[in-house]
C-alpha atoms as a PDB file:
ATOM      1  CA  MET A   1       0.000   0.000   0.000  1.00  0.00           C
ATOM      2  CA  THR A   2       1.277   3.481  -0.839  1.00  0.00           C
ATOM      3  CA  GLN A   3       1.164   6.332   1.653  1.00  0.00           C
ATOM      4  CA  ALA A   4      -1.244   8.146  -0.669  1.00  0.00           C
ATOM      5  CA  ALA A   5      -3.679   5.220  -0.490  1.00  0.00           C
ATOM      6  CA  GLN A   6      -3.458   5.085   3.292  1.00  0.00           C
ATOM      7  CA  THR A   7      -4.141   8.826   3.505  1.00  0.00           C
ATOM      8  CA  ALA A   8      -7.150   8.515   1.173  1.00  0.00           C
ATOM      9  CA  ILE A   9      -8.669   5.812   3.382  1.00  0.00           C
ATOM     10  CA  GLN A  10      -8.080   7.866   6.510  1.00  0.00           C
ATOM     11  CA  LYS A  11      -9.872  10.848   4.943  1.00  0.00           C
ATOM     12  CA  SER A  12     -12.878   8.810   3.814  1.00  0.00           C
ATOM     13  CA  ASP A  13     -16.256   8.508   5.542  1.00  0.00           C
ATOM     14  CA  VAL A  14     -17.066   5.114   4.023  1.00  0.00           C
ATOM     15  CA  ILE A  15     -14.860   2.205   2.963  1.00  0.00           C
ATOM     16  CA  VAL A  16     -16.169  -0.224   0.340  1.00  0.00           C
ATOM     17  CA  GLY A  17     -14.322  -3.359  -0.726  1.00  0.00           C
ATOM     18  CA  TYR A  18     -13.908  -7.071  -1.220  1.00  0.00           C
ATOM     19  CA  ARG A  19     -13.940  -8.668   2.246  1.00  0.00           C
ATOM     20  CA  THR A  20     -10.593 -10.453   1.803  1.00  0.00           C
ATOM     21  CA  TYR A  21      -8.835  -7.168   1.034  1.00  0.00           C
ATOM     22  CA  LEU A  22     -10.500  -5.289   3.884  1.00  0.00           C
ATOM     23  CA  ASP A  23      -9.379  -7.996   6.312  1.00  0.00           C
ATOM     24  CA  LEU A  24      -5.785  -6.995   5.501  1.00  0.00           C
ATOM     25  CA  ILE A  25      -6.192  -3.423   6.795  1.00  0.00           C
ATOM     26  CA  PRO A  26      -8.210  -3.602  10.061  1.00  0.00           C
ATOM     27  CA  GLU A  27      -6.223  -0.775  11.643  1.00  0.00           C
ATOM     28  CA  LEU A  28      -7.374   1.636   8.916  1.00  0.00           C
ATOM     29  CA  LEU A  29     -11.057   0.741   9.263  1.00  0.00           C
ATOM     30  CA  ALA A  30     -11.507   1.708  12.906  1.00  0.00           C
ATOM     31  CA  GLY A  31     -14.309   4.246  13.287  1.00  0.00           C
ATOM     32  CA  LYS A  32     -15.275   4.018   9.605  1.00  0.00           C
ATOM     33  CA  GLU A  33     -18.494   2.895   7.999  1.00  0.00           C
ATOM     34  CA  VAL A  34     -17.511  -0.280   6.153  1.00  0.00           C
ATOM     35  CA  MET A  35     -19.350  -2.089   3.353  1.00  0.00           C
ATOM     36  CA  SER A  36     -17.871  -5.394   2.235  1.00  0.00           C
ATOM     37  CA  SER A  37     -18.916  -8.129  -0.169  1.00  0.00           C
ATOM     38  CA  GLU A  38     -17.700 -11.388  -1.649  1.00  0.00           C
ATOM     39  CA  MET A  39     -15.893 -12.158  -4.897  1.00  0.00           C
ATOM     40  CA  MET A  40     -17.837 -11.691  -8.161  1.00  0.00           C
ATOM     41  CA  LYS A  41     -19.725  -8.713  -6.702  1.00  0.00           C
ATOM     42  CA  GLU A  42     -17.602  -6.069  -8.405  1.00  0.00           C
ATOM     43  CA  VAL A  43     -20.502  -4.239 -10.045  1.00  0.00           C
ATOM     44  CA  ASP A  44     -22.395  -4.117  -6.747  1.00  0.00           C
ATOM     45  CA  ARG A  45     -19.362  -2.725  -4.897  1.00  0.00           C
ATOM     46  CA  CYS A  46     -18.751  -0.042  -7.489  1.00  0.00           C
ATOM     47  CA  GLY A  47     -22.444   0.838  -7.579  1.00  0.00           C
ATOM     48  CA  LYS A  48     -22.547   1.291  -3.791  1.00  0.00           C
ATOM     49  CA  ALA A  49     -19.436   3.467  -3.843  1.00  0.00           C
ATOM     50  CA  ILE A  50     -20.797   5.634  -6.653  1.00  0.00           C
ATOM     51  CA  ASP A  51     -24.203   6.074  -4.992  1.00  0.00           C
ATOM     52  CA  LEU A  52     -22.577   7.055  -1.698  1.00  0.00           C
ATOM     53  CA  ALA A  53     -20.300   9.548  -3.438  1.00  0.00           C
ATOM     54  CA  ALA A  54     -23.257  11.006  -5.333  1.00  0.00           C
ATOM     55  CA  ALA A  55     -24.956  11.516  -1.953  1.00  0.00           C
ATOM     56  CA  GLY A  56     -22.030  13.645  -0.796  1.00  0.00           C
ATOM     57  CA  ARG A  57     -19.987  11.072   1.105  1.00  0.00           C
ATOM     58  CA  THR A  58     -16.234  10.671   0.735  1.00  0.00           C
ATOM     59  CA  VAL A  59     -15.722   7.037  -0.254  1.00  0.00           C
ATOM     60  CA  SER A  60     -12.697   4.778  -0.657  1.00  0.00           C
ATOM     61  CA  LEU A  61     -13.202   1.755  -2.888  1.00  0.00           C
ATOM     62  CA  VAL A  62     -10.422  -0.584  -1.793  1.00  0.00           C
ATOM     63  CA  CYS A  63      -8.784  -2.890  -4.349  1.00  0.00           C
ATOM     64  CA  GLY A  64      -5.874  -5.299  -4.264  1.00  0.00           C
ATOM     65  CA  GLY A  65      -2.604  -4.038  -5.783  1.00  0.00           C
ATOM     66  CA  ASP A  66      -3.153  -1.035  -8.041  1.00  0.00           C
ATOM     67  CA  PRO A  67      -6.788  -0.023  -8.736  1.00  0.00           C
ATOM     68  CA  GLY A  68      -6.013   0.681 -12.383  1.00  0.00           C
ATOM     69  CA  ILE A  69      -4.500  -2.755 -13.136  1.00  0.00           C
ATOM     70  CA  TYR A  70      -7.065  -5.587 -13.340  1.00  0.00           C
ATOM     71  CA  ALA A  71      -9.110  -3.839 -10.654  1.00  0.00           C
ATOM     72  CA  MET A  72     -11.998  -1.437 -10.105  1.00  0.00           C
ATOM     73  CA  ALA A  73     -10.889   1.920 -11.529  1.00  0.00           C
ATOM     74  CA  GLY A  74     -12.023   1.179 -15.072  1.00  0.00           C
ATOM     75  CA  LEU A  75     -15.372  -0.231 -13.954  1.00  0.00           C
ATOM     76  CA  VAL A  76     -16.060   2.862 -11.844  1.00  0.00           C
ATOM     77  CA  TYR A  77     -15.430   5.128 -14.817  1.00  0.00           C
ATOM     78  CA  GLU A  78     -17.601   2.928 -17.060  1.00  0.00           C
ATOM     79  CA  MET A  79     -20.510   3.054 -14.610  1.00  0.00           C
ATOM     80  CA  VAL A  80     -20.220   6.788 -13.923  1.00  0.00           C
ATOM     81  CA  ARG A  81     -20.188   7.427 -17.674  1.00  0.00           C
ATOM     82  CA  ALA A  82     -23.109   5.068 -18.337  1.00  0.00           C
ATOM     83  CA  HIS A  83     -25.337   6.647 -15.687  1.00  0.00           C
ATOM     84  CA  GLY A  84     -24.192  10.238 -16.169  1.00  0.00           C
ATOM     85  CA  GLN A  85     -23.440  10.781 -12.493  1.00  0.00           C
ATOM     86  CA  ALA A  86     -21.550  13.952 -11.631  1.00  0.00           C
ATOM     87  CA  ILE A  87     -19.028  12.772  -9.057  1.00  0.00           C
ATOM     88  CA  ALA A  88     -15.302  13.313  -8.686  1.00  0.00           C
ATOM     89  CA  VAL A  89     -13.274  10.136  -9.137  1.00  0.00           C
ATOM     90  CA  GLU A  90      -9.637   9.934  -8.061  1.00  0.00           C
ATOM     91  CA  VAL A  91      -7.493   6.883  -8.765  1.00  0.00           C
ATOM     92  CA  VAL A  92      -4.905   6.490  -6.024  1.00  0.00           C
ATOM     93  CA  PRO A  93      -2.004   4.269  -7.143  1.00  0.00           C
ATOM     94  CA  GLY A  94      -0.927   1.188  -5.248  1.00  0.00           C
ATOM     95  CA  ILE A  95       1.765  -1.442  -5.705  1.00  0.00           C
ATOM     96  CA  ALA A  96       0.660  -3.825  -8.458  1.00  0.00           C
ATOM     97  CA  ALA A  97       1.278  -7.553  -8.131  1.00  0.00           C
ATOM     98  CA  LEU A  98       3.810  -7.466 -10.954  1.00  0.00           C
ATOM     99  CA  ASN A  99       5.861  -4.819  -9.093  1.00  0.00           C
ATOM    100  CA  ALA A 100       5.783  -6.618  -5.770  1.00  0.00           C
ATOM    101  CA  CYS A 101       6.510 -10.021  -7.314  1.00  0.00           C
ATOM    102  CA  ALA A 102       9.316  -8.727  -9.518  1.00  0.00           C
ATOM    103  CA  ALA A 103      11.009  -7.219  -6.475  1.00  0.00           C
ATOM    104  CA  ARG A 104      10.794 -10.529  -4.627  1.00  0.00           C
ATOM    105  CA  LEU A 105      12.305 -12.394  -7.585  1.00  0.00           C
ATOM    106  CA  GLY A 106      15.152  -9.973  -8.334  1.00  0.00           C
ATOM    107  CA  ALA A 107      14.967  -8.011 -11.590  1.00  0.00           C
ATOM    108  CA  PRO A 108      12.915 -10.007 -14.123  1.00  0.00           C
ATOM    109  CA  LEU A 109      11.152  -7.003 -15.691  1.00  0.00           C
ATOM    110  CA  MET A 110      14.212  -4.985 -16.725  1.00  0.00           C
ATOM    111  CA  HIS A 111      13.251  -5.265 -20.402  1.00  0.00           C
ATOM    112  CA  ASP A 112       9.952  -5.166 -22.294  1.00  0.00           C
ATOM    113  CA  PHE A 113       7.215  -7.284 -20.756  1.00  0.00           C
ATOM    114  CA  ALA A 114       3.542  -8.128 -21.207  1.00  0.00           C
ATOM    115  CA  ALA A 115       0.962  -8.786 -18.487  1.00  0.00           C
ATOM    116  CA  ILE A 116      -1.723 -11.308 -19.439  1.00  0.00           C
ATOM    117  CA  SER A 117      -4.568 -12.626 -17.283  1.00  0.00           C
ATOM    118  CA  LEU A 118      -5.584 -16.248 -17.844  1.00  0.00           C
ATOM    119  CA  SER A 119      -9.059 -15.623 -16.426  1.00  0.00           C
ATOM    120  CA  ASP A 120     -11.622 -16.133 -19.185  1.00  0.00           C
ATOM    121  CA  LEU A 121     -14.540 -14.907 -17.080  1.00  0.00           C
ATOM    122  CA  LEU A 122     -14.492 -11.529 -18.851  1.00  0.00           C
ATOM    123  CA  THR A 123     -12.151 -12.175 -21.790  1.00  0.00           C
ATOM    124  CA  PRO A 124     -12.807 -14.966 -24.329  1.00  0.00           C
ATOM    125  CA  TRP A 125     -10.152 -17.686 -24.208  1.00  0.00           C
ATOM    126  CA  PRO A 126      -9.324 -17.420 -27.966  1.00  0.00           C
ATOM    127  CA  VAL A 127      -8.377 -13.768 -27.365  1.00  0.00           C
ATOM    128  CA  ILE A 128      -6.126 -14.767 -24.458  1.00  0.00           C
ATOM    129  CA  GLU A 129      -4.461 -17.408 -26.648  1.00  0.00           C
ATOM    130  CA  LYS A 130      -3.711 -14.800 -29.346  1.00  0.00           C
ATOM    131  CA  ARG A 131      -2.137 -12.507 -26.767  1.00  0.00           C
ATOM    132  CA  LEU A 132       0.003 -15.330 -25.361  1.00  0.00           C
ATOM    133  CA  GLU A 133       1.147 -16.287 -28.857  1.00  0.00           C
ATOM    134  CA  ALA A 134       2.025 -12.694 -29.736  1.00  0.00           C
ATOM    135  CA  ALA A 135       3.916 -12.058 -26.491  1.00  0.00           C
ATOM    136  CA  ALA A 136       5.843 -15.326 -26.778  1.00  0.00           C
ATOM    137  CA  MET A 137       6.716 -14.708 -30.418  1.00  0.00           C
ATOM    138  CA  ALA A 138       7.939 -11.167 -29.657  1.00  0.00           C
ATOM    139  CA  ASP A 139      10.176 -12.470 -26.827  1.00  0.00           C
ATOM    140  CA  PHE A 140       8.474 -10.439 -24.114  1.00  0.00           C
ATOM    141  CA  VAL A 141       8.921 -11.374 -20.486  1.00  0.00           C
ATOM    142  CA  ILE A 142       5.385 -12.543 -19.665  1.00  0.00           C
ATOM    143  CA  VAL A 143       3.624 -11.803 -16.386  1.00  0.00           C
ATOM    144  CA  ILE A 144       0.670 -14.123 -15.882  1.00  0.00           C
ATOM    145  CA  TYR A 145      -2.150 -13.007 -13.613  1.00  0.00           C
ATOM    146  CA  ASN A 146      -4.929 -15.363 -12.425  1.00  0.00           C
ATOM    147  CA  PRO A 147      -3.017 -18.460 -13.538  1.00  0.00           C
ATOM    148  CA  ARG A 148      -5.179 -21.067 -11.871  1.00  0.00           C
ATOM    149  CA  SER A 149      -8.245 -21.440  -9.651  1.00  0.00           C
ATOM    150  CA  LYS A 150     -10.389 -24.311  -8.379  1.00  0.00           C
ATOM    151  CA  LYS A 151     -12.541 -24.139 -11.509  1.00  0.00           C
ATOM    152  CA  ARG A 152      -9.889 -23.059 -14.015  1.00  0.00           C
ATOM    153  CA  VAL A 153      -7.221 -25.749 -14.042  1.00  0.00           C
ATOM    154  CA  GLU A 154      -6.370 -26.164 -17.742  1.00  0.00           C
ATOM    155  CA  GLN A 155      -5.560 -22.583 -18.739  1.00  0.00           C
ATOM    156  CA  LEU A 156      -2.032 -22.600 -17.311  1.00  0.00           C
ATOM    157  CA  THR A 157      -1.284 -25.894 -19.085  1.00  0.00           C
ATOM    158  CA  LYS A 158      -2.445 -24.425 -22.404  1.00  0.00           C
ATOM    159  CA  ALA A 159      -0.529 -21.180 -21.802  1.00  0.00           C
ATOM    160  CA  ARG A 160       2.668 -23.111 -21.133  1.00  0.00           C
ATOM    161  CA  GLU A 161       2.230 -25.074 -24.372  1.00  0.00           C
ATOM    162  CA  ILE A 162       1.789 -21.867 -26.361  1.00  0.00           C
ATOM    163  CA  ILE A 163       4.863 -20.235 -24.837  1.00  0.00           C
ATOM    164  CA  MET A 164       7.033 -23.346 -25.184  1.00  0.00           C
ATOM    165  CA  ALA A 165       6.433 -23.252 -28.928  1.00  0.00           C
ATOM    166  CA  GLU A 166       8.607 -20.117 -28.961  1.00  0.00           C
ATOM    167  CA  ARG A 167      11.121 -20.604 -26.127  1.00  0.00           C
ATOM    168  CA  GLY A 168      13.049 -23.418 -24.492  1.00  0.00           C
ATOM    169  CA  GLY A 169      12.034 -25.552 -21.540  1.00  0.00           C
ATOM    170  CA  GLN A 170      14.910 -24.175 -19.441  1.00  0.00           C
ATOM    171  CA  THR A 171      13.535 -20.627 -19.615  1.00  0.00           C
ATOM    172  CA  PRO A 172      13.536 -19.258 -16.029  1.00  0.00           C
ATOM    173  CA  VAL A 173      10.174 -18.858 -14.336  1.00  0.00           C
ATOM    174  CA  GLY A 174       9.401 -17.156 -11.034  1.00  0.00           C
ATOM    175  CA  ILE A 175       6.246 -17.814  -9.012  1.00  0.00           C
ATOM    176  CA  VAL A 176       5.241 -15.552  -6.145  1.00  0.00           C
ATOM    177  CA  THR A 177       2.165 -16.398  -4.119  1.00  0.00           C
ATOM    178  CA  ALA A 178       0.568 -13.881  -1.722  1.00  0.00           C
ATOM    179  CA  ALA A 179       3.313 -11.312  -2.308  1.00  0.00           C
ATOM    180  CA  THR A 180       4.086  -9.149   0.762  1.00  0.00           C
ATOM    181  CA  ARG A 181       1.570 -11.049   2.925  1.00  0.00           C
ATOM    182  CA  GLU A 182       2.240 -13.319   5.885  1.00  0.00           C
ATOM    183  CA  ASN A 183       1.831 -16.496   3.805  1.00  0.00           C
ATOM    184  CA  GLU A 184       4.099 -15.303   1.001  1.00  0.00           C
ATOM    185  CA  LYS A 185       5.814 -18.048  -1.013  1.00  0.00           C
ATOM    186  CA  ILE A 186       8.540 -17.610  -3.639  1.00  0.00           C
ATOM    187  CA  GLU A 187       9.640 -20.304  -6.072  1.00  0.00           C
ATOM    188  CA  LEU A 188      12.120 -20.289  -8.941  1.00  0.00           C
ATOM    189  CA  THR A 189      11.711 -22.951 -11.601  1.00  0.00           C
ATOM    190  CA  THR A 190      11.771 -23.431 -15.370  1.00  0.00           C
ATOM    191  CA  LEU A 191       9.128 -23.395 -18.057  1.00  0.00           C
ATOM    192  CA  GLU A 192       9.537 -27.164 -18.369  1.00  0.00           C
ATOM    193  CA  GLU A 193       8.843 -27.737 -14.651  1.00  0.00           C
ATOM    194  CA  LEU A 194       6.172 -25.063 -14.209  1.00  0.00           C
ATOM    195  CA  LEU A 195       3.193 -27.411 -13.970  1.00  0.00           C
ATOM    196  CA  SER A 196       4.729 -29.338 -11.083  1.00  0.00           C
ATOM    197  CA  CYS A 197       4.802 -26.193  -8.936  1.00  0.00           C
ATOM    198  CA  ASP A 198       2.149 -24.971  -6.506  1.00  0.00           C
ATOM    199  CA  VAL A 199       0.268 -22.263  -8.415  1.00  0.00           C
ATOM    200  CA  GLY A 200      -3.054 -20.825  -7.267  1.00  0.00           C
ATOM    201  CA  MET A 201      -5.288 -17.791  -7.559  1.00  0.00           C
ATOM    202  CA  GLN A 202      -2.997 -15.696  -5.326  1.00  0.00           C
ATOM    203  CA  SER A 203       0.021 -16.546  -7.486  1.00  0.00           C
ATOM    204  CA  THR A 204       1.670 -14.397 -10.125  1.00  0.00           C
ATOM    205  CA  VAL A 205       3.871 -16.204 -12.643  1.00  0.00           C
ATOM    206  CA  ILE A 206       6.721 -14.392 -14.394  1.00  0.00           C
ATOM    207  CA  ILE A 207       8.180 -16.192 -17.405  1.00  0.00           C
ATOM    208  CA  GLY A 208      11.528 -14.914 -18.623  1.00  0.00           C
ATOM    209  CA  ASN A 209      12.491 -14.025 -22.185  1.00  0.00           C
ATOM    210  CA  SER A 210      15.331 -15.615 -24.169  1.00  0.00           C
ATOM    211  CA  GLN A 211      17.943 -13.607 -22.234  1.00  0.00           C
ATOM    212  CA  THR A 212      16.620 -14.052 -18.681  1.00  0.00           C
ATOM    213  CA  TYR A 213      18.859 -16.013 -16.320  1.00  0.00           C
ATOM    214  CA  LEU A 214      18.993 -17.233 -12.717  1.00  0.00           C
ATOM    215  CA  TRP A 215      21.866 -16.176 -10.481  1.00  0.00           C
ATOM    216  CA  GLN A 216      22.230 -16.624  -6.715  1.00  0.00           C
ATOM    217  CA  ASP A 217      18.531 -17.295  -6.218  1.00  0.00           C
ATOM    218  CA  VAL A 218      17.378 -14.284  -8.206  1.00  0.00           C
ATOM    219  CA  MET A 219      15.882 -13.906 -11.660  1.00  0.00           C
ATOM    220  CA  VAL A 220      17.480 -11.300 -13.930  1.00  0.00           C
ATOM    221  CA  THR A 221      16.494 -10.043 -17.383  1.00  0.00           C
ATOM    222  CA  PRO A 222      19.350  -7.966 -18.847  1.00  0.00           C
ATOM    223  CA  ARG A 223      18.412  -4.822 -20.698  1.00  0.00           C
ATOM    224  CA  GLY A 224      21.513  -4.715 -22.886  1.00  0.00           C
ATOM    225  CA  TYR A 225      24.002  -2.680 -20.866  1.00  0.00           C
ATOM    226  CA  ALA A 226      26.646  -5.412 -21.203  1.00  0.00           C
ATOM    227  CA  ARG A 227      26.484  -5.163 -25.005  1.00  0.00           C
ATOM    228  CA  LYS A 228      26.927  -1.392 -25.017  1.00  0.00           C
ATOM    229  CA  TYR A 229      29.160  -0.669 -22.051  1.00  0.00           C
ATOM    230  CA  GLU A 230      32.081  -2.334 -20.327  1.00  0.00           C
ATOM    231  CA  LEU A 231      30.723  -3.565 -16.988  1.00  0.00           C
END
């Protein structure tokens, strides 16, 4: 959490959010009106926050990571636009999963990268496949969000097959589960061994490009300094 996000919550009258995320910040909720809900209730949460703001309340809609990356900022703007409500919306940046996970792994995102979610709840799977193919072909480091859940167990297997068509089985892969939380888990592996690792909904998978290497338990993607300068 950034200091700006903490300050925004402290200045708010009402806090709205997914219950799992709110459980992570109990010290910031003291004395606040709190409205929580379960997963898959994103539209309801945004609707409540917008209605409260339209009524003159100062509202924080709490998300995981950064609100503008696979989170609620876009949905809020879509709903405000659709209903023509005149409220002020401020997006307060947070630390996205890819930032937190990259820091835990070393420096895997030093060169061009692509973030792709394997969740096909909102995006058709054929579209996801095209994006995986394009990113693999262009030799991007690939950050995979939502790699696996109880219901979605085949998507990671298919994604690995697509990527392995373009890069070798020994390509370094980093898996960070529950980054920065008490149950955080970090694992370094290879593309070949990826499916034997423990990957869940709280995991972010970072697959290296053709130049990424492992060194002293860290994952590094060189940007090209060694080719241009004497190190």
